[in-house]
């Protein structure tokens, strides 16, 4: 319990993978999802400092950022085209794509870290 109180004092905007997953349908823009993902890693470093868990988080972050860089252009082009055309036809495509490329779960992140560390 003491750790939770300490965390709440240090971290002004908490974020975690479960919350990101719960919010997947609510993000208005892909970049909002990305910001929350980056916030998770930032919060980890801010709260934990230079500890082994922070190094693990950095490895997960590197993996995530590679995946984001790989898909960001296509995601944003699709999203912007949907906005320009009034949403409906392309947002349906966006929904399809989003579910074909799910967010990596924590176990997948951890496996990726073990490979890179």
Protein backbone atom coordinates (compact mmCIF):
# COMPACT_ATOMS: atom_id res chain seq x y z
CA UNK A 1 0.00 0.00 0.00
CA UNK A 2 2.85 2.35 0.83
CA UNK A 3 4.26 1.95 -2.72
CA UNK A 4 0.89 2.90 -4.21
CA UNK A 5 0.75 6.11 -2.16
CA UNK A 6 4.34 6.92 -3.11
CA UNK A 7 3.51 6.28 -6.78
CA UNK A 8 0.49 8.58 -6.63
CA UNK A 9 2.61 11.37 -5.16
CA UNK A 10 5.35 11.07 -7.78
CA UNK A 11 3.38 10.25 -10.93
CA UNK A 12 0.92 12.96 -11.91
CA UNK A 13 -0.65 11.10 -14.83
CA UNK A 14 -0.65 7.34 -14.25
CA UNK A 15 -0.95 5.02 -17.24
CA UNK A 16 -0.65 1.25 -17.66
CA UNK A 17 -1.16 -1.36 -20.38
CA UNK A 18 -4.52 -2.46 -19.00
CA UNK A 19 -5.85 1.12 -19.19
CA UNK A 20 -4.51 1.48 -22.73
CA UNK A 21 -6.25 -1.75 -23.70
CA UNK A 22 -9.51 -0.60 -22.09
CA UNK A 23 -9.26 2.71 -23.97
CA UNK A 24 -8.52 1.27 -27.42
CA UNK A 25 -12.03 2.00 -28.66
CA UNK A 26 -12.00 5.47 -27.10
CA UNK A 27 -8.82 7.03 -28.53
CA UNK A 28 -9.89 9.80 -30.91
CA UNK A 29 -6.60 9.64 -32.86
CA UNK A 30 -3.83 7.07 -33.23
CA UNK A 31 -1.35 9.57 -31.80
CA UNK A 32 -3.35 9.65 -28.56
CA UNK A 33 -2.77 5.92 -28.19
CA UNK A 34 0.93 6.48 -28.90
CA UNK A 35 1.19 9.23 -26.28
CA UNK A 36 -0.26 6.93 -23.62
CA UNK A 37 2.20 4.19 -24.54
CA UNK A 38 5.13 6.60 -24.26
CA UNK A 39 3.72 7.84 -20.94
CA UNK A 40 3.89 4.32 -19.51
CA UNK A 41 7.62 4.17 -20.14
CA UNK A 42 8.21 7.70 -18.90
CA UNK A 43 6.31 7.00 -15.69
CA UNK A 44 8.32 3.84 -15.12
CA UNK A 45 11.60 5.69 -15.40
CA UNK A 46 10.41 8.61 -13.28
CA UNK A 47 9.14 6.38 -10.48
CA UNK A 48 11.81 3.67 -10.46
CA UNK A 49 14.94 5.56 -11.42
CA UNK A 50 17.94 3.44 -12.39
CA UNK A 51 16.72 -0.02 -11.42
CA UNK A 52 16.58 -3.30 -13.36
CA UNK A 53 12.86 -2.81 -14.03
CA UNK A 54 13.63 0.49 -15.73
CA UNK A 55 16.15 -1.20 -18.02
CA UNK A 56 13.54 -3.82 -18.88
CA UNK A 57 11.03 -1.06 -19.61
CA UNK A 58 13.56 0.65 -21.88
CA UNK A 59 13.92 -2.55 -23.86
CA UNK A 60 10.15 -2.85 -24.18
CA UNK A 61 10.00 0.81 -25.19
CA UNK A 62 12.62 0.28 -27.92
CA UNK A 63 10.59 -2.64 -29.26
CA UNK A 64 7.36 -0.64 -29.13
CA UNK A 65 8.93 2.40 -30.85
CA UNK A 66 10.24 0.18 -33.67
CA UNK A 67 6.74 -1.20 -34.19
CA UNK A 68 5.24 2.29 -34.07
CA UNK A 69 7.81 3.66 -36.54
CA UNK A 70 7.11 0.76 -38.88
CA UNK A 71 3.35 1.33 -38.97
CA UNK A 72 2.90 5.03 -38.10
CA UNK A 73 2.94 6.36 -41.66
CA UNK A 74 0.30 3.90 -42.90
CA UNK A 75 -1.84 4.35 -39.81
CA UNK A 76 -1.77 8.14 -40.01
CA UNK A 77 -2.39 8.19 -43.78
CA UNK A 78 -5.44 5.97 -43.32
CA UNK A 79 -6.69 8.00 -40.41
CA UNK A 80 -6.19 11.35 -42.20
CA UNK A 81 -7.88 10.06 -45.34
CA UNK A 82 -10.82 8.96 -43.23
CA UNK A 83 -11.05 12.45 -41.77
CA UNK A 84 -10.85 14.09 -45.20
CA UNK A 85 -13.57 11.88 -46.67
CA UNK A 86 -15.95 12.26 -43.81
CA UNK A 87 -15.01 9.19 -41.83
CA UNK A 88 -17.42 6.42 -42.70
CA UNK A 89 -15.85 4.40 -45.53
CA UNK A 90 -12.28 4.70 -44.30
CA UNK A 91 -13.02 4.48 -40.63
CA UNK A 92 -14.43 1.05 -41.36
CA UNK A 93 -11.04 0.18 -42.89
CA UNK A 94 -9.30 1.71 -39.88
CA UNK A 95 -11.35 -0.52 -37.59
CA UNK A 96 -10.41 -3.56 -39.66
CA UNK A 97 -6.70 -2.71 -39.63
CA UNK A 98 -6.66 -1.91 -35.95
CA UNK A 99 -7.98 -5.34 -35.06
CA UNK A 100 -5.64 -7.12 -37.46
CA UNK A 101 -2.59 -5.58 -35.77
CA UNK A 102 -3.33 -5.85 -32.06
CA UNK A 103 -1.31 -4.09 -29.42
CA UNK A 104 1.34 -6.37 -28.03
CA UNK A 105 0.41 -7.79 -24.68
CA UNK A 106 2.74 -7.70 -21.71
CA UNK A 107 3.93 -11.29 -22.20
CA UNK A 108 4.95 -10.53 -25.78
CA UNK A 109 6.78 -7.42 -24.60
CA UNK A 110 8.64 -9.44 -21.98
CA UNK A 111 9.62 -12.13 -24.51
CA UNK A 112 10.94 -9.40 -26.81
CA UNK A 113 12.98 -7.95 -23.97
CA UNK A 114 14.54 -11.28 -23.12
CA UNK A 115 15.65 -11.58 -26.73
CA UNK A 116 17.21 -8.09 -26.81
CA UNK A 117 18.77 -7.98 -23.34
